[in-house]
């Protein structure tokens, strides 16, 4: 099976989501990069989520650690690993073309 690696922001860090592309019911291994001083490129496996059916790919995380995914119909869905519930967010797009963008305000000037 071919594994896919997706890098997305997670809280104040970077996460790596690893899953098998062709599986009908997918498992997502969530790895998080540690931000400790003096520790370089140290990854910790946070959790394994799944099985989740009728989803194509992960797109990112929501505020409380919920996973945002694109389902097989081209809809945005959110999966809450704490109760294993999935909700449709009501956004539709062309399959394989949906994206999420993280916006974070800052008082630091770019100039």
N, C-alpha and C. Protein backbone atom coordinates (compact mmCIF):
# COMPACT_ATOMS: atom_id res chain seq x y z
N UNK A 1 0.83 -1.19 0.00
CA UNK A 1 0.00 0.00 0.00
C UNK A 1 0.87 1.25 0.00
N UNK A 2 0.43 2.24 -0.72
CA UNK A 2 1.16 3.49 -0.80
C UNK A 2 0.73 4.42 0.33
N UNK A 3 1.69 4.88 1.11
CA UNK A 3 1.41 5.82 2.19
C UNK A 3 1.55 7.24 1.70
N UNK A 4 0.70 8.10 2.23
CA UNK A 4 0.74 9.52 1.92
C UNK A 4 1.11 10.27 3.19
N UNK A 5 1.96 11.27 3.06
CA UNK A 5 2.38 12.11 4.19
C UNK A 5 1.88 13.52 3.92
N UNK A 6 1.16 14.08 4.88
CA UNK A 6 0.62 15.44 4.76
C UNK A 6 1.11 16.25 5.95
N UNK A 7 1.73 17.39 5.69
CA UNK A 7 2.20 18.28 6.76
C UNK A 7 1.22 19.43 6.89
N UNK A 8 0.69 19.61 8.11
CA UNK A 8 -0.28 20.68 8.39
C UNK A 8 0.01 21.28 9.76
N UNK A 9 -0.39 22.55 9.97
CA UNK A 9 -0.24 23.15 11.30
C UNK A 9 -1.12 22.42 12.32
N UNK A 10 -0.62 22.33 13.54
CA UNK A 10 -1.37 21.75 14.65
C UNK A 10 -1.07 22.56 15.89
N UNK A 11 -2.07 23.32 16.35
CA UNK A 11 -1.92 24.23 17.48
C UNK A 11 -0.72 25.13 17.22
N UNK A 12 0.29 25.11 18.07
CA UNK A 12 1.46 25.97 17.88
C UNK A 12 2.65 25.20 17.30
N UNK A 13 2.37 24.10 16.62
CA UNK A 13 3.43 23.26 16.10
C UNK A 13 3.10 22.82 14.67
N UNK A 14 3.86 21.85 14.20
CA UNK A 14 3.64 21.26 12.88
C UNK A 14 3.31 19.79 13.09
N UNK A 15 2.35 19.29 12.30
CA UNK A 15 2.01 17.88 12.41
C UNK A 15 2.21 17.19 11.07
N UNK A 16 2.37 15.90 11.16
CA UNK A 16 2.50 15.05 9.99
C UNK A 16 1.40 14.01 10.09
N UNK A 17 0.56 13.93 9.06
CA UNK A 17 -0.52 12.94 9.02
C UNK A 17 -0.14 11.90 7.98
N UNK A 18 -0.09 10.64 8.40
CA UNK A 18 0.30 9.54 7.51
C UNK A 18 -0.88 8.59 7.38
N UNK A 19 -1.20 8.23 6.12
CA UNK A 19 -2.32 7.31 5.87
C UNK A 19 -2.10 6.57 4.56
N UNK A 20 -2.82 5.45 4.38
CA UNK A 20 -2.75 4.68 3.13
C UNK A 20 -3.79 5.23 2.16
N UNK A 21 -3.34 5.54 0.98
CA UNK A 21 -4.17 6.22 -0.01
C UNK A 21 -5.36 5.39 -0.49
N UNK A 22 -5.18 4.13 -0.77
CA UNK A 22 -6.21 3.32 -1.44
C UNK A 22 -7.16 2.59 -0.49
N UNK A 23 -7.00 2.75 0.80
CA UNK A 23 -7.88 2.07 1.74
C UNK A 23 -9.28 2.68 1.73
N UNK A 24 -10.31 1.84 1.82
CA UNK A 24 -11.69 2.33 1.91
C UNK A 24 -11.93 2.92 3.29
N UNK A 25 -11.53 2.19 4.32
CA UNK A 25 -11.58 2.70 5.69
C UNK A 25 -10.16 3.09 6.06
N UNK A 26 -9.96 4.38 6.27
CA UNK A 26 -8.61 4.89 6.48
C UNK A 26 -8.30 5.10 7.96
N UNK A 27 -7.05 4.84 8.29
CA UNK A 27 -6.49 5.17 9.60
C UNK A 27 -5.50 6.30 9.38
N UNK A 28 -5.50 7.26 10.29
CA UNK A 28 -4.60 8.41 10.20
C UNK A 28 -3.68 8.43 11.41
N UNK A 29 -2.39 8.28 11.16
CA UNK A 29 -1.39 8.40 12.23
C UNK A 29 -0.97 9.85 12.31
N UNK A 30 -1.13 10.45 13.48
CA UNK A 30 -0.84 11.87 13.70
C UNK A 30 0.46 11.98 14.47
N UNK A 31 1.45 12.64 13.86
CA UNK A 31 2.75 12.91 14.48
C UNK A 31 2.89 14.41 14.68
N UNK A 32 3.48 14.83 15.78
CA UNK A 32 3.66 16.25 16.09
C UNK A 32 5.14 16.52 16.34
N UNK A 33 5.64 17.63 15.75
CA UNK A 33 7.02 18.02 15.99
C UNK A 33 7.13 18.73 17.33
N UNK A 34 8.07 18.29 18.14
CA UNK A 34 8.29 18.92 19.45
C UNK A 34 9.00 20.25 19.27
N UNK A 35 8.59 21.24 20.07
CA UNK A 35 9.19 22.57 20.02
C UNK A 35 10.11 22.82 21.18
N UNK A 36 10.71 21.78 21.73
CA UNK A 36 11.57 21.95 22.90
C UNK A 36 12.91 22.56 22.50
N UNK A 37 13.41 23.41 23.37
CA UNK A 37 14.71 24.03 23.13
C UNK A 37 15.80 22.95 23.16
N UNK A 38 16.68 22.98 22.21
CA UNK A 38 17.80 22.05 22.17
C UNK A 38 17.47 20.71 21.54
N UNK A 39 16.20 20.48 21.18
CA UNK A 39 15.82 19.23 20.54
C UNK A 39 15.48 19.53 19.08
N UNK A 40 16.26 18.94 18.18
CA UNK A 40 16.03 19.20 16.76
C UNK A 40 15.24 18.06 16.12
N UNK A 41 14.24 18.43 15.33
CA UNK A 41 13.48 17.48 14.52
C UNK A 41 13.03 16.23 15.29
N UNK A 42 12.46 16.43 16.43
CA UNK A 42 11.98 15.33 17.25
C UNK A 42 10.47 15.20 17.06
N UNK A 43 10.03 14.06 16.53
CA UNK A 43 8.62 13.83 16.26
C UNK A 43 8.06 12.84 17.27
N UNK A 44 6.84 13.11 17.73
CA UNK A 44 6.15 12.24 18.68
C UNK A 44 4.81 11.83 18.07
N UNK A 45 4.52 10.53 18.13
CA UNK A 45 3.22 10.07 17.63
C UNK A 45 2.16 10.44 18.65
N UNK A 46 1.24 11.30 18.23
CA UNK A 46 0.19 11.80 19.10
C UNK A 46 -0.94 10.78 19.26
N UNK A 47 -1.42 10.27 18.10
CA UNK A 47 -2.52 9.32 18.15
C UNK A 47 -2.74 8.69 16.78
N UNK A 48 -3.57 7.65 16.78
CA UNK A 48 -4.04 7.03 15.55
C UNK A 48 -5.55 7.21 15.53
N UNK A 49 -6.05 7.79 14.45
CA UNK A 49 -7.48 8.05 14.30
C UNK A 49 -8.03 7.10 13.24
N UNK A 50 -9.19 6.50 13.54
CA UNK A 50 -9.84 5.66 12.55
C UNK A 50 -10.32 4.36 13.14
N UNK A 51 -10.94 3.54 12.34
CA UNK A 51 -11.11 3.72 10.90
C UNK A 51 -12.21 4.73 10.58
N UNK A 52 -11.98 5.47 9.50
CA UNK A 52 -12.97 6.43 9.00
C UNK A 52 -13.25 6.06 7.56
N UNK A 53 -14.53 5.87 7.23
CA UNK A 53 -14.89 5.50 5.85
C UNK A 53 -15.45 6.70 5.10
N UNK A 54 -15.44 6.58 3.78
CA UNK A 54 -15.98 7.60 2.85
C UNK A 54 -15.25 8.93 2.95
N UNK A 55 -13.95 8.90 3.21
CA UNK A 55 -13.15 10.12 3.19
C UNK A 55 -12.01 9.95 2.20
N UNK A 56 -11.59 11.06 1.62
CA UNK A 56 -10.51 11.02 0.64
C UNK A 56 -9.17 11.41 1.25
N UNK A 57 -9.16 12.57 1.95
CA UNK A 57 -7.86 13.04 2.44
C UNK A 57 -8.04 14.05 3.57
N UNK A 58 -7.03 14.13 4.45
CA UNK A 58 -7.05 15.13 5.53
C UNK A 58 -6.61 16.48 4.99
N UNK A 59 -7.19 17.54 5.56
CA UNK A 59 -6.83 18.89 5.14
C UNK A 59 -6.21 19.70 6.27
N UNK A 60 -6.49 19.35 7.52
CA UNK A 60 -5.93 20.11 8.64
C UNK A 60 -6.69 19.84 9.91
N UNK A 61 -6.42 20.68 10.90
CA UNK A 61 -7.05 20.54 12.21
C UNK A 61 -7.85 21.78 12.55
N UNK A 62 -8.88 21.58 13.37
CA UNK A 62 -9.69 22.66 13.91
C UNK A 62 -9.16 22.97 15.29
N UNK A 63 -9.75 23.94 15.96
CA UNK A 63 -9.26 24.46 17.24
C UNK A 63 -9.01 23.40 18.31
N UNK A 64 -9.93 22.47 18.49
CA UNK A 64 -9.84 21.52 19.60
C UNK A 64 -9.27 20.17 19.19
N UNK A 65 -8.53 20.13 18.08
CA UNK A 65 -7.92 18.89 17.64
C UNK A 65 -8.78 18.05 16.73
N UNK A 66 -9.95 18.56 16.33
CA UNK A 66 -10.77 17.84 15.37
C UNK A 66 -10.05 17.85 14.02
N UNK A 67 -10.22 16.79 13.28
CA UNK A 67 -9.57 16.64 11.98
C UNK A 67 -10.54 17.08 10.88
N UNK A 68 -10.08 17.98 10.01
CA UNK A 68 -10.89 18.42 8.87
C UNK A 68 -10.47 17.59 7.67
N UNK A 69 -11.47 16.99 7.01
CA UNK A 69 -11.23 16.07 5.90
C UNK A 69 -12.08 16.43 4.70
N UNK A 70 -11.69 15.91 3.55
CA UNK A 70 -12.52 15.97 2.36
C UNK A 70 -13.13 14.59 2.20
N UNK A 71 -14.47 14.51 2.10
CA UNK A 71 -15.07 13.19 1.94
C UNK A 71 -15.12 12.79 0.46
N UNK A 72 -15.61 11.61 0.18
CA UNK A 72 -15.59 11.08 -1.19
C UNK A 72 -16.56 11.81 -2.12
N UNK A 73 -17.41 12.69 -1.58
CA UNK A 73 -18.33 13.49 -2.40
C UNK A 73 -17.81 14.91 -2.63
N UNK A 74 -16.62 15.22 -2.15
CA UNK A 74 -16.06 16.56 -2.32
C UNK A 74 -16.59 17.55 -1.29
N UNK A 75 -17.03 17.07 -0.13
CA UNK A 75 -17.53 17.94 0.93
C UNK A 75 -16.49 18.04 2.04
N UNK A 76 -16.49 19.20 2.72
CA UNK A 76 -15.67 19.33 3.92
C UNK A 76 -16.42 18.70 5.08
N UNK A 77 -15.72 17.86 5.83
CA UNK A 77 -16.29 17.24 7.03
C UNK A 77 -15.30 17.41 8.17
N UNK A 78 -15.82 17.37 9.37
CA UNK A 78 -14.97 17.48 10.56
C UNK A 78 -15.19 16.24 11.41
N UNK A 79 -14.08 15.63 11.84
CA UNK A 79 -14.12 14.41 12.64
C UNK A 79 -13.57 14.71 14.02
N UNK A 80 -14.38 14.39 15.03
CA UNK A 80 -13.98 14.60 16.42
C UNK A 80 -13.49 13.27 16.99
N UNK A 81 -12.18 13.12 17.20
CA UNK A 81 -11.66 11.84 17.70
C UNK A 81 -12.10 11.52 19.13
N UNK A 82 -12.51 12.51 19.91
CA UNK A 82 -12.91 12.25 21.29
C UNK A 82 -14.21 11.45 21.37
N UNK A 83 -15.12 11.65 20.42
CA UNK A 83 -16.38 10.89 20.42
C UNK A 83 -16.62 10.13 19.11
N UNK A 84 -15.65 10.20 18.20
CA UNK A 84 -15.69 9.50 16.91
C UNK A 84 -16.88 9.88 16.05
N UNK A 85 -17.30 11.15 16.15
CA UNK A 85 -18.42 11.64 15.35
C UNK A 85 -17.90 12.48 14.19
N UNK A 86 -18.59 12.37 13.05
CA UNK A 86 -18.26 13.15 11.88
C UNK A 86 -19.44 14.03 11.51
N UNK A 87 -19.16 15.31 11.20
CA UNK A 87 -20.20 16.25 10.80
C UNK A 87 -19.83 16.86 9.46
N UNK A 88 -20.83 17.03 8.60
CA UNK A 88 -20.62 17.72 7.33
C UNK A 88 -20.69 19.22 7.59
N UNK A 89 -19.74 19.97 7.03
CA UNK A 89 -19.69 21.42 7.27
C UNK A 89 -20.50 22.23 6.28
N UNK A 90 -21.01 21.60 5.22
CA UNK A 90 -21.86 22.30 4.27
C UNK A 90 -21.10 23.02 3.16
N UNK A 91 -19.82 22.72 3.02
CA UNK A 91 -19.01 23.30 1.95
C UNK A 91 -18.71 22.20 0.93
N UNK A 92 -18.98 22.50 -0.33
CA UNK A 92 -18.75 21.54 -1.40
C UNK A 92 -17.72 22.11 -2.35
N UNK A 93 -16.98 21.23 -2.98
CA UNK A 93 -15.99 21.66 -3.96
C UNK A 93 -15.71 20.53 -4.93
N UNK A 94 -14.82 20.80 -5.85
CA UNK A 94 -14.41 19.76 -6.78
C UNK A 94 -13.51 18.79 -6.05
N UNK A 95 -13.78 17.51 -6.20
CA UNK A 95 -13.02 16.49 -5.49
C UNK A 95 -11.53 16.63 -5.74
N UNK A 96 -10.76 16.63 -4.67
CA UNK A 96 -9.31 16.73 -4.77
C UNK A 96 -8.79 18.16 -4.84
N UNK A 97 -9.69 19.14 -4.84
CA UNK A 97 -9.29 20.54 -4.98
C UNK A 97 -9.55 21.38 -3.73
N UNK A 98 -10.21 20.81 -2.72
CA UNK A 98 -10.50 21.57 -1.50
C UNK A 98 -9.22 21.84 -0.72
N UNK A 99 -9.14 23.01 -0.12
CA UNK A 99 -8.01 23.38 0.72
C UNK A 99 -8.52 24.19 1.90
N UNK A 100 -7.75 24.18 2.97
CA UNK A 100 -8.01 25.10 4.08
C UNK A 100 -6.74 25.91 4.28
N UNK A 101 -6.91 27.14 4.71
CA UNK A 101 -5.79 28.04 4.94
C UNK A 101 -5.89 28.52 6.38
N UNK A 102 -4.77 28.52 7.07
CA UNK A 102 -4.72 28.96 8.46
C UNK A 102 -4.39 30.45 8.48
N UNK A 103 -5.22 31.22 9.17
CA UNK A 103 -4.99 32.65 9.33
C UNK A 103 -4.75 32.92 10.80
N UNK A 104 -3.68 33.63 11.09
CA UNK A 104 -3.39 33.96 12.48
C UNK A 104 -2.96 35.41 12.54
N UNK A 105 -3.68 36.20 13.35
CA UNK A 105 -3.33 37.60 13.50
C UNK A 105 -2.02 37.75 14.26
N UNK A 106 -1.33 38.83 13.94
CA UNK A 106 -0.06 39.10 14.61
C UNK A 106 0.12 40.59 14.73
N UNK A 107 0.74 41.01 15.80
CA UNK A 107 1.07 42.40 15.96
C UNK A 107 2.47 42.72 15.47
N UNK A 108 3.16 41.73 14.95
CA UNK A 108 4.50 41.91 14.44
C UNK A 108 4.43 42.43 13.02
N UNK A 109 5.16 43.49 12.73
CA UNK A 109 5.20 44.07 11.40
C UNK A 109 6.06 43.22 10.47
N UNK A 110 5.60 43.05 9.25
CA UNK A 110 6.33 42.27 8.26
C UNK A 110 7.49 43.08 7.70
N UNK A 111 7.38 44.38 7.72
CA UNK A 111 8.44 45.23 7.14
C UNK A 111 9.65 45.29 8.01
